[in-house]
Amino acid sequence: MSHRLELARGKLSARIWAPPRLFFVDTPSAVAADLGCAYTLEVDDAGASLLRVTSGWVALELKDRESMVPAGAACETKPGVGPGTPYFEDANQEFRQSLRKVDFDSDATTKKVALGKMLNNSRSRDTLTLWHLLPRVEGEERGKVYDRIASFAPPPMDVTRAGVLRLNGEMLESWRVQLEETWALRTPIPKKVAEAYWGLKKGIERPVTKTK
């Protein structure tokens, strides 16, 4: 049986030993779903939140926008937008500041400039962030994100640039499995959980989520 709480404002700390996806926390800007984890979740007066994961994984979800956050990483959310992009807390400061603009700034030019700064300040472990960005940027920007990830970790043989750029779900998942080695050395996300999370089935060309 699943359990559901609501956090409208304040701070919550959770350590979950139950099977994945049985404990949910609703906030004004996203739903936190545990994947076997320990974390803190803070919500401010404006309804924005900050998730910080200390072990395992947490999924932040709102309609068609999702982020999978491993231990050592954090993720912000904003009302009207939903989950931002997860990042490791030891990432470069300019990388994190630029990511905030990419996620939440409404000006297209500002976002484009910020993405360039992000890519320039990224390191191998930041492929967590870059991989999540693939479906959130378009056109030339998506190609630049792909190329930066590939410079750190060339994709598996079954993954093509063209397939990733059109958000082929199976290719994204295959690459994620490879990249995850630098994201969560101690607690890789269970394969069945990942497949259920992304809704990977033959013919799906993008990550699919349940609409809340």
N, C-alpha and C. Protein backbone atom coordinates (compact mmCIF):
# COMPACT_ATOMS: atom_id res chain seq x y z
N MET A 1 0.84 -1.19 0.00
CA MET A 1 0.00 0.00 0.00
C MET A 1 0.87 1.25 0.00
N SER A 2 0.56 2.21 -0.85
CA SER A 2 1.35 3.42 -0.94
C SER A 2 0.94 4.42 0.14
N HIS A 3 1.85 5.33 0.44
CA HIS A 3 1.61 6.38 1.43
C HIS A 3 1.88 7.72 0.76
N ARG A 4 1.04 8.71 1.09
CA ARG A 4 1.16 10.01 0.45
C ARG A 4 1.04 11.11 1.49
N LEU A 5 1.99 12.05 1.45
CA LEU A 5 1.98 13.21 2.33
C LEU A 5 1.96 14.48 1.49
N GLU A 6 1.58 15.58 2.12
CA GLU A 6 1.64 16.88 1.45
C GLU A 6 2.52 17.82 2.26
N LEU A 7 3.46 18.47 1.58
CA LEU A 7 4.33 19.46 2.20
C LEU A 7 4.11 20.79 1.48
N ALA A 8 3.31 21.66 2.08
CA ALA A 8 3.00 22.95 1.46
C ALA A 8 4.08 23.98 1.74
N ARG A 9 4.73 23.83 2.89
CA ARG A 9 5.80 24.75 3.28
C ARG A 9 6.59 24.12 4.42
N GLY A 10 7.90 24.39 4.47
CA GLY A 10 8.72 23.85 5.54
C GLY A 10 9.71 22.82 5.04
N LYS A 11 10.19 21.98 5.95
CA LYS A 11 11.23 21.01 5.63
C LYS A 11 10.83 19.62 6.12
N LEU A 12 11.13 18.63 5.31
CA LEU A 12 10.85 17.24 5.63
C LEU A 12 12.10 16.41 5.41
N SER A 13 12.38 15.50 6.32
CA SER A 13 13.47 14.53 6.14
C SER A 13 12.86 13.14 6.11
N ALA A 14 13.29 12.32 5.16
CA ALA A 14 12.71 10.99 5.01
C ALA A 14 13.79 9.95 4.77
N ARG A 15 13.60 8.78 5.37
CA ARG A 15 14.44 7.62 5.09
C ARG A 15 13.49 6.46 4.82
N ILE A 16 13.52 5.95 3.61
CA ILE A 16 12.53 4.99 3.15
C ILE A 16 13.17 3.62 2.95
N TRP A 17 12.62 2.61 3.62
CA TRP A 17 13.11 1.24 3.46
C TRP A 17 12.13 0.38 2.67
N ALA A 18 10.95 0.91 2.37
CA ALA A 18 9.94 0.16 1.63
C ALA A 18 10.36 0.00 0.17
N PRO A 19 9.71 -0.89 -0.57
CA PRO A 19 9.99 -1.01 -2.01
C PRO A 19 9.77 0.33 -2.71
N PRO A 20 10.42 0.53 -3.85
CA PRO A 20 10.30 1.81 -4.57
C PRO A 20 8.86 2.16 -4.93
N ARG A 21 8.60 3.47 -4.95
CA ARG A 21 7.34 4.05 -5.40
C ARG A 21 6.16 3.69 -4.52
N LEU A 22 6.39 3.60 -3.21
CA LEU A 22 5.30 3.42 -2.26
C LEU A 22 5.15 4.61 -1.33
N PHE A 23 6.05 5.60 -1.43
CA PHE A 23 6.00 6.78 -0.57
C PHE A 23 6.12 8.02 -1.44
N PHE A 24 5.11 8.90 -1.35
CA PHE A 24 5.06 10.09 -2.18
C PHE A 24 4.87 11.33 -1.32
N VAL A 25 5.50 12.42 -1.72
CA VAL A 25 5.29 13.70 -1.05
C VAL A 25 4.86 14.72 -2.10
N ASP A 26 3.67 15.27 -1.93
CA ASP A 26 3.17 16.30 -2.83
C ASP A 26 3.62 17.67 -2.35
N THR A 27 4.17 18.48 -3.25
CA THR A 27 4.52 19.86 -2.96
C THR A 27 3.80 20.75 -3.99
N PRO A 28 3.81 22.06 -3.81
CA PRO A 28 3.12 22.92 -4.78
C PRO A 28 3.70 22.88 -6.19
N SER A 29 4.93 22.38 -6.35
CA SER A 29 5.55 22.43 -7.67
C SER A 29 6.04 21.09 -8.20
N ALA A 30 5.85 20.00 -7.46
CA ALA A 30 6.27 18.68 -7.93
C ALA A 30 5.84 17.62 -6.93
N VAL A 31 5.93 16.37 -7.36
CA VAL A 31 5.70 15.22 -6.49
C VAL A 31 7.02 14.48 -6.34
N ALA A 32 7.43 14.21 -5.10
CA ALA A 32 8.64 13.43 -4.84
C ALA A 32 8.23 11.98 -4.62
N ALA A 33 8.77 11.09 -5.44
CA ALA A 33 8.48 9.66 -5.34
C ALA A 33 9.77 8.92 -5.00
N ASP A 34 9.74 8.17 -3.89
CA ASP A 34 10.98 7.50 -3.49
C ASP A 34 11.25 6.29 -4.36
N LEU A 35 12.54 6.06 -4.61
CA LEU A 35 12.99 4.86 -5.31
C LEU A 35 13.92 4.06 -4.41
N GLY A 36 13.69 4.16 -3.07
CA GLY A 36 14.56 3.53 -2.07
C GLY A 36 15.63 4.52 -1.69
N CYS A 37 15.41 5.33 -0.65
CA CYS A 37 16.27 6.50 -0.49
C CYS A 37 16.21 7.13 0.89
N ALA A 38 17.07 8.13 1.07
CA ALA A 38 17.01 9.07 2.19
C ALA A 38 17.22 10.45 1.60
N TYR A 39 16.41 11.42 2.06
CA TYR A 39 16.50 12.75 1.45
C TYR A 39 15.89 13.80 2.36
N THR A 40 16.17 15.07 2.02
CA THR A 40 15.48 16.19 2.65
C THR A 40 14.78 16.98 1.55
N LEU A 41 13.64 17.55 1.90
CA LEU A 41 12.85 18.32 0.95
C LEU A 41 12.38 19.59 1.65
N GLU A 42 12.73 20.73 1.08
CA GLU A 42 12.34 22.02 1.65
C GLU A 42 11.45 22.77 0.67
N VAL A 43 10.39 23.38 1.19
CA VAL A 43 9.47 24.18 0.38
C VAL A 43 9.40 25.58 0.97
N ASP A 44 9.61 26.61 0.12
CA ASP A 44 9.58 27.98 0.63
C ASP A 44 8.18 28.58 0.50
N ASP A 45 8.05 29.84 0.91
CA ASP A 45 6.74 30.49 0.92
C ASP A 45 6.13 30.64 -0.47
N ALA A 46 6.98 30.66 -1.49
CA ALA A 46 6.49 30.82 -2.86
C ALA A 46 6.10 29.49 -3.51
N GLY A 47 6.33 28.38 -2.80
CA GLY A 47 6.00 27.07 -3.34
C GLY A 47 7.13 26.39 -4.08
N ALA A 48 8.29 27.07 -4.16
CA ALA A 48 9.48 26.45 -4.77
C ALA A 48 10.10 25.48 -3.78
N SER A 49 10.76 24.46 -4.27
CA SER A 49 11.34 23.47 -3.36
C SER A 49 12.76 23.10 -3.76
N LEU A 50 13.46 22.54 -2.79
CA LEU A 50 14.82 22.03 -3.01
C LEU A 50 14.90 20.63 -2.43
N LEU A 51 15.22 19.67 -3.28
CA LEU A 51 15.40 18.28 -2.88
C LEU A 51 16.88 17.98 -2.81
N ARG A 52 17.32 17.36 -1.72
CA ARG A 52 18.71 16.93 -1.57
C ARG A 52 18.69 15.47 -1.15
N VAL A 53 19.33 14.62 -1.95
CA VAL A 53 19.30 13.17 -1.72
C VAL A 53 20.61 12.72 -1.09
N THR A 54 20.52 11.97 0.00
CA THR A 54 21.71 11.49 0.69
C THR A 54 21.99 10.01 0.44
N SER A 55 20.98 9.25 0.05
CA SER A 55 21.21 7.86 -0.36
C SER A 55 20.09 7.42 -1.28
N GLY A 56 20.40 6.47 -2.15
CA GLY A 56 19.40 5.98 -3.08
C GLY A 56 19.03 6.98 -4.16
N TRP A 57 17.77 6.92 -4.57
CA TRP A 57 17.26 7.76 -5.66
C TRP A 57 15.89 8.32 -5.30
N VAL A 58 15.58 9.50 -5.82
CA VAL A 58 14.25 10.09 -5.70
C VAL A 58 13.83 10.58 -7.08
N ALA A 59 12.58 10.36 -7.43
CA ALA A 59 12.03 10.91 -8.67
C ALA A 59 11.18 12.12 -8.35
N LEU A 60 11.43 13.23 -9.03
CA LEU A 60 10.57 14.42 -8.95
C LEU A 60 9.74 14.48 -10.21
N GLU A 61 8.44 14.63 -10.07
CA GLU A 61 7.55 14.51 -11.22
C GLU A 61 6.49 15.61 -11.20
N LEU A 62 6.14 16.09 -12.36
CA LEU A 62 4.98 16.96 -12.55
C LEU A 62 4.56 16.86 -14.00
N LYS A 63 3.43 16.20 -14.25
CA LYS A 63 2.92 15.99 -15.60
C LYS A 63 4.00 15.36 -16.48
N ASP A 64 4.42 16.04 -17.56
CA ASP A 64 5.38 15.44 -18.49
C ASP A 64 6.82 15.83 -18.19
N ARG A 65 7.08 16.35 -17.00
CA ARG A 65 8.44 16.78 -16.64
C ARG A 65 8.89 15.97 -15.43
N GLU A 66 10.03 15.29 -15.57
CA GLU A 66 10.53 14.41 -14.51
C GLU A 66 12.04 14.53 -14.36
N SER A 67 12.48 14.29 -13.14
CA SER A 67 13.92 14.25 -12.87
C SER A 67 14.20 13.09 -11.91
N MET A 68 15.24 12.31 -12.22
CA MET A 68 15.69 11.24 -11.34
C MET A 68 16.94 11.73 -10.63
N VAL A 69 16.89 11.77 -9.29
CA VAL A 69 17.94 12.40 -8.51
C VAL A 69 18.64 11.37 -7.63
N PRO A 70 19.93 11.10 -7.86
CA PRO A 70 20.67 10.11 -7.06
C PRO A 70 21.31 10.73 -5.83
N ALA A 71 21.87 9.89 -4.99
CA ALA A 71 22.59 10.35 -3.80
C ALA A 71 23.70 11.31 -4.19
N GLY A 72 23.82 12.39 -3.40
CA GLY A 72 24.84 13.39 -3.68
C GLY A 72 24.37 14.49 -4.60
N ALA A 73 23.16 14.35 -5.12
CA ALA A 73 22.62 15.34 -6.05
C ALA A 73 21.45 16.09 -5.44
N ALA A 74 21.10 17.19 -6.08
CA ALA A 74 19.98 18.02 -5.65
C ALA A 74 19.17 18.41 -6.87
N CYS A 75 17.97 18.93 -6.61
CA CYS A 75 17.12 19.38 -7.71
C CYS A 75 16.15 20.42 -7.17
N GLU A 76 16.01 21.52 -7.89
CA GLU A 76 15.07 22.57 -7.52
C GLU A 76 13.78 22.41 -8.31
N THR A 77 12.68 22.93 -7.75
CA THR A 77 11.41 22.97 -8.47
C THR A 77 10.83 24.38 -8.35
N LYS A 78 10.00 24.75 -9.32
CA LYS A 78 9.34 26.05 -9.30
C LYS A 78 7.88 25.87 -9.69
N PRO A 79 6.96 26.57 -9.01
CA PRO A 79 5.56 26.52 -9.41
C PRO A 79 5.39 26.98 -10.86
N GLY A 80 4.55 26.29 -11.60
CA GLY A 80 4.34 26.64 -12.99
C GLY A 80 5.34 26.03 -13.94
N VAL A 81 6.42 25.49 -13.42
CA VAL A 81 7.45 24.84 -14.23
C VAL A 81 7.56 23.38 -13.88
N GLY A 82 7.67 23.10 -12.58
CA GLY A 82 7.87 21.74 -12.11
C GLY A 82 9.32 21.49 -11.77
N PRO A 83 9.77 20.25 -11.86
CA PRO A 83 11.15 19.93 -11.49
C PRO A 83 12.15 20.56 -12.44
N GLY A 84 13.21 21.10 -11.88
CA GLY A 84 14.34 21.52 -12.68
C GLY A 84 15.18 20.30 -13.03
N THR A 85 16.41 20.53 -13.42
CA THR A 85 17.32 19.46 -13.82
C THR A 85 18.22 19.10 -12.66
N PRO A 86 18.37 17.81 -12.33
CA PRO A 86 19.22 17.43 -11.20
C PRO A 86 20.69 17.74 -11.45
N TYR A 87 21.40 18.02 -10.38
CA TYR A 87 22.83 18.32 -10.47
C TYR A 87 23.53 17.82 -9.22
N PHE A 88 24.79 17.45 -9.36
CA PHE A 88 25.56 17.06 -8.18
C PHE A 88 25.98 18.31 -7.43
N GLU A 89 25.90 18.23 -6.11
CA GLU A 89 26.14 19.41 -5.29
C GLU A 89 27.59 19.86 -5.30
N ASP A 90 28.50 19.01 -5.76
CA ASP A 90 29.90 19.43 -5.86
C ASP A 90 30.24 19.98 -7.25
N ALA A 91 29.21 20.23 -8.06
CA ALA A 91 29.44 20.78 -9.40
C ALA A 91 29.96 22.21 -9.30
N ASN A 92 30.64 22.64 -10.35
CA ASN A 92 31.16 23.99 -10.47
C ASN A 92 30.05 25.02 -10.21
N GLN A 93 30.37 26.09 -9.47
CA GLN A 93 29.37 27.09 -9.12
C GLN A 93 28.75 27.75 -10.36
N GLU A 94 29.57 28.08 -11.35
CA GLU A 94 29.03 28.70 -12.56
C GLU A 94 28.13 27.72 -13.31
N PHE A 95 28.49 26.44 -13.27
CA PHE A 95 27.64 25.41 -13.87
C PHE A 95 26.26 25.43 -13.22
N ARG A 96 26.23 25.46 -11.89
CA ARG A 96 24.95 25.44 -11.17
C ARG A 96 24.14 26.71 -11.40
N GLN A 97 24.82 27.85 -11.40
CA GLN A 97 24.11 29.11 -11.64
C GLN A 97 23.54 29.16 -13.05
N SER A 98 24.29 28.67 -14.01
CA SER A 98 23.82 28.66 -15.40
C SER A 98 22.65 27.69 -15.56
N LEU A 99 22.72 26.56 -14.87
CA LEU A 99 21.63 25.58 -14.93
C LEU A 99 20.33 26.20 -14.44
N ARG A 100 20.40 26.97 -13.38
CA ARG A 100 19.19 27.60 -12.85
C ARG A 100 18.53 28.49 -13.91
N LYS A 101 19.34 29.18 -14.70
CA LYS A 101 18.79 30.02 -15.77
C LYS A 101 18.19 29.16 -16.89
N VAL A 102 18.89 28.10 -17.24
CA VAL A 102 18.37 27.20 -18.27
C VAL A 102 17.02 26.63 -17.85
N ASP A 103 16.91 26.26 -16.58
CA ASP A 103 15.68 25.64 -16.09
C ASP A 103 14.52 26.62 -15.94
N PHE A 104 14.81 27.81 -15.42
CA PHE A 104 13.71 28.65 -14.95
C PHE A 104 13.62 30.05 -15.55
N ASP A 105 14.62 30.51 -16.29
CA ASP A 105 14.53 31.84 -16.88
C ASP A 105 13.58 31.80 -18.08
N SER A 106 12.80 32.84 -18.26
CA SER A 106 11.82 32.86 -19.34
C SER A 106 12.36 33.43 -20.64
N ASP A 107 13.55 34.04 -20.62
CA ASP A 107 14.11 34.66 -21.81
C ASP A 107 14.94 33.66 -22.60
N ALA A 108 14.60 33.48 -23.87
CA ALA A 108 15.26 32.47 -24.70
C ALA A 108 16.74 32.76 -24.89
N THR A 109 17.10 34.02 -25.06
CA THR A 109 18.51 34.37 -25.25
C THR A 109 19.31 34.09 -24.00
N THR A 110 18.75 34.44 -22.85
CA THR A 110 19.42 34.17 -21.57
C THR A 110 19.66 32.68 -21.40
N LYS A 111 18.65 31.88 -21.73
CA LYS A 111 18.77 30.43 -21.59
C LYS A 111 19.85 29.88 -22.52
N LYS A 112 19.91 30.40 -23.74
CA LYS A 112 20.89 29.92 -24.71
C LYS A 112 22.31 30.22 -24.25
N VAL A 113 22.53 31.44 -23.77
CA VAL A 113 23.86 31.82 -23.26
C VAL A 113 24.22 30.97 -22.05
N ALA A 114 23.25 30.77 -21.17
CA ALA A 114 23.50 29.98 -19.96
C ALA A 114 23.85 28.54 -20.30
N LEU A 115 23.19 27.98 -21.31
CA LEU A 115 23.50 26.60 -21.72
C LEU A 115 24.95 26.50 -22.18
N GLY A 116 25.41 27.48 -22.94
CA GLY A 116 26.81 27.47 -23.38
C GLY A 116 27.77 27.48 -22.22
N LYS A 117 27.48 28.28 -21.20
CA LYS A 117 28.34 28.33 -20.02
C LYS A 117 28.30 27.02 -19.26
N MET A 118 27.13 26.42 -19.19
CA MET A 118 27.00 25.11 -18.55
C MET A 118 27.89 24.08 -19.21
N LEU A 119 27.79 24.00 -20.53
CA LEU A 119 28.57 23.00 -21.25
C LEU A 119 30.06 23.22 -21.07
N ASN A 120 30.48 24.47 -21.08
CA ASN A 120 31.91 24.78 -20.91
C ASN A 120 32.42 24.43 -19.52
N ASN A 121 31.54 24.46 -18.53
CA ASN A 121 31.95 24.21 -17.15
C ASN A 121 31.58 22.81 -16.66
N SER A 122 31.14 21.95 -17.57
CA SER A 122 30.73 20.61 -17.17
C SER A 122 31.92 19.67 -17.10
N ARG A 123 31.77 18.62 -16.32
CA ARG A 123 32.77 17.56 -16.18
C ARG A 123 32.08 16.23 -16.39
N SER A 124 32.81 15.15 -16.35
CA SER A 124 32.25 13.84 -16.67
C SER A 124 31.03 13.50 -15.83
N ARG A 125 31.09 13.75 -14.53
CA ARG A 125 29.98 13.38 -13.65
C ARG A 125 28.73 14.21 -13.93
N ASP A 126 28.91 15.36 -14.55
CA ASP A 126 27.77 16.23 -14.84
C ASP A 126 26.93 15.72 -16.00
N THR A 127 27.29 14.57 -16.55
CA THR A 127 26.42 13.98 -17.56
C THR A 127 25.05 13.63 -16.97
N LEU A 128 24.96 13.51 -15.64
CA LEU A 128 23.64 13.36 -15.01
C LEU A 128 22.73 14.51 -15.45
N THR A 129 23.25 15.72 -15.32
CA THR A 129 22.49 16.91 -15.68
C THR A 129 22.28 16.99 -17.19
N LEU A 130 23.33 16.76 -17.95
CA LEU A 130 23.24 16.90 -19.40
C LEU A 130 22.28 15.89 -20.01
N TRP A 131 22.31 14.65 -19.50
CA TRP A 131 21.40 13.63 -20.02
C TRP A 131 19.94 14.04 -19.78
N HIS A 132 19.65 14.56 -18.59
CA HIS A 132 18.29 15.02 -18.31
C HIS A 132 17.89 16.20 -19.20
N LEU A 133 18.87 16.97 -19.63
CA LEU A 133 18.56 18.14 -20.46
C LEU A 133 18.15 17.78 -21.88
N LEU A 134 18.54 16.60 -22.36
CA LEU A 134 18.30 16.26 -23.76
C LEU A 134 16.85 16.49 -24.20
N PRO A 135 15.84 16.02 -23.45
CA PRO A 135 14.46 16.27 -23.89
C PRO A 135 13.95 17.67 -23.56
N ARG A 136 14.76 18.47 -22.86
CA ARG A 136 14.30 19.79 -22.42
C ARG A 136 14.83 20.93 -23.29
N VAL A 137 15.71 20.60 -24.21
CA VAL A 137 16.20 21.60 -25.16
C VAL A 137 15.90 21.08 -26.56
N GLU A 138 16.01 21.94 -27.55
CA GLU A 138 15.62 21.56 -28.90
C GLU A 138 16.67 21.96 -29.92
N GLY A 139 16.54 21.38 -31.11
CA GLY A 139 17.34 21.79 -32.25
C GLY A 139 18.83 21.79 -32.01
N GLU A 140 19.46 22.90 -32.34
CA GLU A 140 20.91 23.04 -32.23
C GLU A 140 21.39 22.83 -30.80
N GLU A 141 20.61 23.30 -29.83
CA GLU A 141 21.02 23.15 -28.43
C GLU A 141 21.08 21.68 -28.03
N ARG A 142 20.10 20.89 -28.48
CA ARG A 142 20.11 19.46 -28.15
C ARG A 142 21.35 18.79 -28.75
N GLY A 143 21.70 19.18 -29.96
CA GLY A 143 22.90 18.63 -30.58
C GLY A 143 24.15 18.96 -29.80
N LYS A 144 24.23 20.17 -29.26
CA LYS A 144 25.39 20.57 -28.47
C LYS A 144 25.46 19.76 -27.17
N VAL A 145 24.31 19.53 -26.56
CA VAL A 145 24.29 18.73 -25.33
C VAL A 145 24.74 17.30 -25.63
N TYR A 146 24.21 16.73 -26.71
CA TYR A 146 24.63 15.38 -27.11
C TYR A 146 26.15 15.33 -27.29
N ASP A 147 26.70 16.27 -28.03
CA ASP A 147 28.13 16.25 -28.32
C ASP A 147 28.97 16.37 -27.05
N ARG A 148 28.50 17.15 -26.09
CA ARG A 148 29.25 17.30 -24.84
C ARG A 148 29.22 16.00 -24.04
N ILE A 149 28.07 15.36 -23.98
CA ILE A 149 28.00 14.07 -23.28
C ILE A 149 28.92 13.07 -23.97
N ALA A 150 28.85 13.01 -25.30
CA ALA A 150 29.65 12.05 -26.06
C ALA A 150 31.14 12.29 -25.88
N SER A 151 31.54 13.53 -25.61
CA SER A 151 32.96 13.82 -25.40
C SER A 151 33.46 13.20 -24.10
N PHE A 152 32.56 13.00 -23.15
CA PHE A 152 32.91 12.36 -21.88
C PHE A 152 32.74 10.85 -21.94
N ALA A 153 31.69 10.40 -22.62
CA ALA A 153 31.37 8.97 -22.66
C ALA A 153 30.70 8.65 -23.99
N PRO A 154 31.45 8.20 -24.99
CA PRO A 154 30.84 7.84 -26.27
C PRO A 154 29.69 6.87 -26.06
N PRO A 155 28.58 7.03 -26.77
CA PRO A 155 27.42 6.18 -26.54
C PRO A 155 27.67 4.73 -26.94
N PRO A 156 26.86 3.80 -26.42
CA PRO A 156 26.98 2.39 -26.80
C PRO A 156 26.74 2.20 -28.30
N MET A 157 27.09 1.04 -28.78
CA MET A 157 26.98 0.75 -30.21
C MET A 157 25.54 0.85 -30.72
N ASP A 158 24.57 0.57 -29.84
CA ASP A 158 23.17 0.59 -30.27
C ASP A 158 22.55 1.98 -30.19
N VAL A 159 23.34 2.98 -29.88
CA VAL A 159 22.84 4.35 -29.73
C VAL A 159 23.43 5.23 -30.83
N THR A 160 22.57 5.91 -31.56
CA THR A 160 23.03 6.81 -32.62
C THR A 160 22.71 8.26 -32.27
N ARG A 161 23.46 9.17 -32.86
CA ARG A 161 23.22 10.59 -32.63
C ARG A 161 21.81 10.97 -33.10
N ALA A 162 21.45 10.49 -34.28
CA ALA A 162 20.13 10.82 -34.83
C ALA A 162 19.01 10.30 -33.92
N GLY A 163 19.21 9.09 -33.39
CA GLY A 163 18.19 8.52 -32.51
C GLY A 163 18.02 9.31 -31.23
N VAL A 164 19.13 9.71 -30.64
CA VAL A 164 19.07 10.50 -29.41
C VAL A 164 18.43 11.85 -29.69
N LEU A 165 18.77 12.48 -30.80
CA LEU A 165 18.22 13.80 -31.10
C LEU A 165 16.72 13.77 -31.34
N ARG A 166 16.18 12.61 -31.72
CA ARG A 166 14.73 12.52 -31.83
C ARG A 166 14.12 11.87 -30.59
N LEU A 167 14.95 11.71 -29.55
CA LEU A 167 14.52 11.25 -28.22
C LEU A 167 13.98 9.82 -28.24
N ASN A 168 14.68 8.95 -28.95
CA ASN A 168 14.32 7.53 -28.93
C ASN A 168 14.49 6.99 -27.51
N GLY A 169 13.41 6.48 -26.93
CA GLY A 169 13.43 6.07 -25.53
C GLY A 169 14.42 4.96 -25.22
N GLU A 170 14.50 3.95 -26.08
CA GLU A 170 15.40 2.83 -25.83
C GLU A 170 16.86 3.27 -25.90
N MET A 171 17.17 4.18 -26.81
CA MET A 171 18.55 4.68 -26.92
C MET A 171 18.91 5.54 -25.72
N LEU A 172 17.99 6.39 -25.28
CA LEU A 172 18.25 7.20 -24.09
C LEU A 172 18.50 6.32 -22.88
N GLU A 173 17.71 5.26 -22.75
CA GLU A 173 17.88 4.36 -21.61
C GLU A 173 19.20 3.60 -21.68
N SER A 174 19.56 3.13 -22.87
CA SER A 174 20.82 2.41 -23.04
C SER A 174 22.00 3.28 -22.65
N TRP A 175 21.97 4.52 -23.08
CA TRP A 175 23.06 5.44 -22.74
C TRP A 175 23.05 5.76 -21.25
N ARG A 176 21.85 5.91 -20.68
CA ARG A 176 21.75 6.19 -19.25
C ARG A 176 22.42 5.11 -18.42
N VAL A 177 22.18 3.85 -18.79
CA VAL A 177 22.77 2.74 -18.05
C VAL A 177 24.29 2.85 -18.04
N GLN A 178 24.87 3.21 -19.17
CA GLN A 178 26.32 3.37 -19.25
C GLN A 178 26.80 4.56 -18.42
N LEU A 179 26.12 5.68 -18.56
CA LEU A 179 26.53 6.90 -17.86
C LEU A 179 26.37 6.77 -16.35
N GLU A 180 25.42 5.97 -15.92
CA GLU A 180 25.11 5.85 -14.50
C GLU A 180 26.30 5.39 -13.66
N GLU A 181 27.27 4.76 -14.31
CA GLU A 181 28.46 4.31 -13.57
C GLU A 181 29.17 5.47 -12.90
N THR A 182 29.04 6.67 -13.43
CA THR A 182 29.67 7.84 -12.81
C THR A 182 28.69 8.63 -11.95
N TRP A 183 27.42 8.23 -11.95
CA TRP A 183 26.42 8.95 -11.17
C TRP A 183 26.20 8.33 -9.80
N ALA A 184 26.13 7.02 -9.73
CA ALA A 184 25.74 6.35 -8.49
C ALA A 184 26.53 5.07 -8.32
N LEU A 185 27.77 5.19 -7.89
CA LEU A 185 28.65 4.03 -7.79
C LEU A 185 28.15 3.01 -6.79
N ARG A 186 27.46 3.46 -5.75
CA ARG A 186 27.03 2.53 -4.70
C ARG A 186 25.59 2.06 -4.87
N THR A 187 24.75 2.90 -5.45
CA THR A 187 23.34 2.56 -5.50
C THR A 187 22.76 2.78 -6.90
N PRO A 188 23.13 1.93 -7.86
CA PRO A 188 22.52 2.06 -9.19
C PRO A 188 21.02 1.85 -9.11
N ILE A 189 20.29 2.59 -9.92
CA ILE A 189 18.85 2.45 -9.90
C ILE A 189 18.46 1.09 -10.47
N PRO A 190 17.54 0.35 -9.81
CA PRO A 190 17.16 -0.97 -10.31
C PRO A 190 16.63 -0.89 -11.73
N LYS A 191 17.00 -1.86 -12.54
CA LYS A 191 16.63 -1.84 -13.96
C LYS A 191 15.11 -1.78 -14.15
N LYS A 192 14.37 -2.57 -13.37
CA LYS A 192 12.92 -2.59 -13.54
C LYS A 192 12.30 -1.24 -13.18
N VAL A 193 12.87 -0.60 -12.16
CA VAL A 193 12.37 0.71 -11.76
C VAL A 193 12.62 1.73 -12.87
N ALA A 194 13.82 1.69 -13.44
CA ALA A 194 14.15 2.64 -14.51
C ALA A 194 13.25 2.43 -15.72
N GLU A 195 13.03 1.17 -16.09
CA GLU A 195 12.20 0.89 -17.25
C GLU A 195 10.76 1.33 -17.02
N ALA A 196 10.25 1.08 -15.82
CA ALA A 196 8.89 1.51 -15.51
C ALA A 196 8.80 3.03 -15.49
N TYR A 197 9.83 3.64 -14.96
CA TYR A 197 9.85 5.10 -14.83
C TYR A 197 9.78 5.77 -16.20
N TRP A 198 10.60 5.31 -17.12
CA TRP A 198 10.62 5.93 -18.45
C TRP A 198 9.54 5.37 -19.37
N GLY A 199 8.87 4.29 -18.97
CA GLY A 199 7.84 3.72 -19.83
C GLY A 199 8.40 3.21 -21.13
N LEU A 200 9.56 2.52 -21.07
CA LEU A 200 10.21 2.09 -22.30
C LEU A 200 9.49 0.90 -22.92
N LYS A 201 8.97 1.10 -24.10
CA LYS A 201 8.33 0.04 -24.86
C LYS A 201 8.66 0.25 -26.33
N LYS A 202 8.56 -0.81 -27.09
CA LYS A 202 8.87 -0.71 -28.51
C LYS A 202 7.99 0.35 -29.17
N GLY A 203 8.63 1.23 -29.91
CA GLY A 203 7.90 2.25 -30.64
C GLY A 203 7.83 3.59 -29.94
N ILE A 204 8.15 3.63 -28.64
CA ILE A 204 8.13 4.90 -27.92
C ILE A 204 9.37 5.70 -28.29
N GLU A 205 9.20 6.94 -28.65
CA GLU A 205 10.31 7.77 -29.11
C GLU A 205 10.75 8.81 -28.09
N ARG A 206 10.17 8.79 -26.88
CA ARG A 206 10.57 9.75 -25.86
C ARG A 206 10.18 9.19 -24.50
N PRO A 207 10.77 9.70 -23.41
CA PRO A 207 10.33 9.28 -22.09
C PRO A 207 8.86 9.61 -21.91
N VAL A 208 8.12 8.67 -21.36
CA VAL A 208 6.69 8.86 -21.17
C VAL A 208 6.37 8.81 -19.69
N THR A 209 5.51 9.70 -19.22
CA THR A 209 5.18 9.75 -17.81
C THR A 209 3.68 9.78 -17.64
N LYS A 210 3.25 9.50 -16.45
CA LYS A 210 1.84 9.60 -16.12
C LYS A 210 1.50 11.06 -15.83
N THR A 211 0.37 11.49 -16.32
CA THR A 211 -0.07 12.85 -16.06
C THR A 211 -0.78 12.90 -14.72
N LYS A 212 -0.29 13.80 -13.88
CA LYS A 212 -0.89 13.93 -12.55
C LYS A 212 -2.20 14.72 -12.66
